Amino acid sequence: MWLHLIVWLPLVAALSLGLMRPGKGLMTALHMKNMAREVRNDEL
């Protein structure tokens, strides 16, 4: 059990932090490609 924590906890933390920047870049690119904009109350 402790071995799983020693191996997986740092691995999951590193992968999460490592994929955060590319994920944000992907979301930004998709917003620009689809010309996303803010929705106003009168448009709902």
N, C-alpha and C. Protein backbone atom coordinates (compact mmCIF):
# COMPACT_ATOMS: atom_id res chain seq x y z
N MET A 1 0.83 -1.20 0.00
CA MET A 1 0.00 0.00 0.00
C MET A 1 0.87 1.26 0.00
N TRP A 2 1.84 1.31 0.88
CA TRP A 2 2.69 2.50 0.96
C TRP A 2 3.51 2.68 -0.31
N LEU A 3 3.85 1.57 -0.95
CA LEU A 3 4.62 1.66 -2.19
C LEU A 3 3.80 2.34 -3.29
N HIS A 4 2.51 2.04 -3.33
CA HIS A 4 1.64 2.68 -4.31
C HIS A 4 1.58 4.19 -4.09
N LEU A 5 1.51 4.60 -2.83
CA LEU A 5 1.49 6.04 -2.52
C LEU A 5 2.80 6.71 -2.92
N ILE A 6 3.91 6.04 -2.66
CA ILE A 6 5.22 6.61 -2.99
C ILE A 6 5.38 6.76 -4.50
N VAL A 7 4.84 5.83 -5.26
CA VAL A 7 5.00 5.86 -6.72
C VAL A 7 3.94 6.75 -7.37
N TRP A 8 2.66 6.53 -7.04
CA TRP A 8 1.58 7.18 -7.77
C TRP A 8 1.33 8.63 -7.38
N LEU A 9 1.50 8.97 -6.13
CA LEU A 9 1.22 10.34 -5.70
C LEU A 9 2.12 11.36 -6.41
N PRO A 10 3.43 11.19 -6.43
CA PRO A 10 4.26 12.15 -7.19
C PRO A 10 4.00 12.09 -8.70
N LEU A 11 3.72 10.90 -9.22
CA LEU A 11 3.47 10.76 -10.65
C LEU A 11 2.21 11.51 -11.06
N VAL A 12 1.15 11.35 -10.31
CA VAL A 12 -0.11 12.04 -10.61
C VAL A 12 0.06 13.55 -10.46
N ALA A 13 0.76 13.97 -9.42
CA ALA A 13 0.99 15.41 -9.22
C ALA A 13 1.82 15.99 -10.37
N ALA A 14 2.87 15.31 -10.77
CA ALA A 14 3.73 15.80 -11.85
C ALA A 14 2.98 15.84 -13.18
N LEU A 15 2.21 14.81 -13.48
CA LEU A 15 1.46 14.79 -14.73
C LEU A 15 0.38 15.88 -14.74
N SER A 16 -0.28 16.07 -13.62
CA SER A 16 -1.31 17.11 -13.55
C SER A 16 -0.71 18.49 -13.78
N LEU A 17 0.39 18.78 -13.11
CA LEU A 17 1.02 20.08 -13.28
C LEU A 17 1.64 20.22 -14.67
N GLY A 18 2.17 19.13 -15.20
CA GLY A 18 2.80 19.17 -16.51
C GLY A 18 1.83 19.35 -17.65
N LEU A 19 0.61 18.85 -17.50
CA LEU A 19 -0.38 18.95 -18.56
C LEU A 19 -1.26 20.19 -18.45
N MET A 20 -1.08 20.95 -17.37
CA MET A 20 -1.92 22.13 -17.18
C MET A 20 -1.67 23.20 -18.25
N ARG A 21 -0.43 23.47 -18.57
CA ARG A 21 -0.11 24.52 -19.56
C ARG A 21 -0.56 24.12 -20.97
N PRO A 22 -0.26 22.89 -21.45
CA PRO A 22 -0.76 22.51 -22.78
C PRO A 22 -2.29 22.49 -22.83
N GLY A 23 -2.93 22.10 -21.73
CA GLY A 23 -4.39 22.08 -21.70
C GLY A 23 -4.97 23.48 -21.81
N LYS A 24 -4.34 24.43 -21.13
CA LYS A 24 -4.81 25.81 -21.22
C LYS A 24 -4.59 26.35 -22.63
N GLY A 25 -3.47 26.00 -23.23
CA GLY A 25 -3.21 26.43 -24.61
C GLY A 25 -4.22 25.86 -25.58
N LEU A 26 -4.58 24.60 -25.38
CA LEU A 26 -5.58 23.96 -26.24
C LEU A 26 -6.93 24.65 -26.09
N MET A 27 -7.33 24.93 -24.85
CA MET A 27 -8.61 25.59 -24.64
C MET A 27 -8.63 26.99 -25.25
N THR A 28 -7.52 27.72 -25.13
CA THR A 28 -7.43 29.05 -25.71
C THR A 28 -7.52 28.97 -27.23
N ALA A 29 -6.83 28.01 -27.83
CA ALA A 29 -6.87 27.85 -29.29
C ALA A 29 -8.27 27.49 -29.76
N LEU A 30 -8.97 26.63 -29.02
CA LEU A 30 -10.33 26.27 -29.40
C LEU A 30 -11.28 27.47 -29.28
N HIS A 31 -11.08 28.29 -28.26
CA HIS A 31 -11.91 29.50 -28.13
C HIS A 31 -11.70 30.42 -29.31
N MET A 32 -10.45 30.60 -29.71
CA MET A 32 -10.16 31.49 -30.83
C MET A 32 -10.68 30.91 -32.14
N LYS A 33 -10.54 29.61 -32.33
CA LYS A 33 -11.00 28.96 -33.56
C LYS A 33 -12.51 29.07 -33.71
N ASN A 34 -13.23 28.87 -32.61
CA ASN A 34 -14.69 28.88 -32.64
C ASN A 34 -15.27 30.26 -32.37
N MET A 35 -14.40 31.26 -32.27
CA MET A 35 -14.81 32.64 -31.99
C MET A 35 -15.78 32.71 -30.81
N ALA A 36 -15.39 32.09 -29.71
CA ALA A 36 -16.22 32.09 -28.51
C ALA A 36 -16.27 33.50 -27.93
N ARG A 37 -17.41 33.84 -27.37
CA ARG A 37 -17.57 35.15 -26.76
C ARG A 37 -18.44 35.01 -25.52
N GLU A 38 -18.47 36.05 -24.74
CA GLU A 38 -19.23 36.05 -23.51
C GLU A 38 -20.73 36.10 -23.83
N VAL A 39 -21.51 35.32 -23.09
CA VAL A 39 -22.96 35.31 -23.28
C VAL A 39 -23.57 36.34 -22.34
N ARG A 40 -24.48 37.15 -22.87
CA ARG A 40 -25.15 38.17 -22.07
C ARG A 40 -26.51 37.66 -21.64
N ASN A 41 -27.07 38.30 -20.63
CA ASN A 41 -28.36 37.88 -20.09
C ASN A 41 -29.48 37.98 -21.11
N ASP A 42 -29.46 38.98 -21.97
CA ASP A 42 -30.54 39.16 -22.93
C ASP A 42 -30.47 38.15 -24.08
N GLU A 43 -29.39 37.39 -24.19
CA GLU A 43 -29.25 36.39 -25.25
C GLU A 43 -29.76 35.01 -24.83
N LEU A 44 -30.08 34.85 -23.57
CA LEU A 44 -30.52 33.53 -23.09
C LEU A 44 -31.94 33.26 -23.39
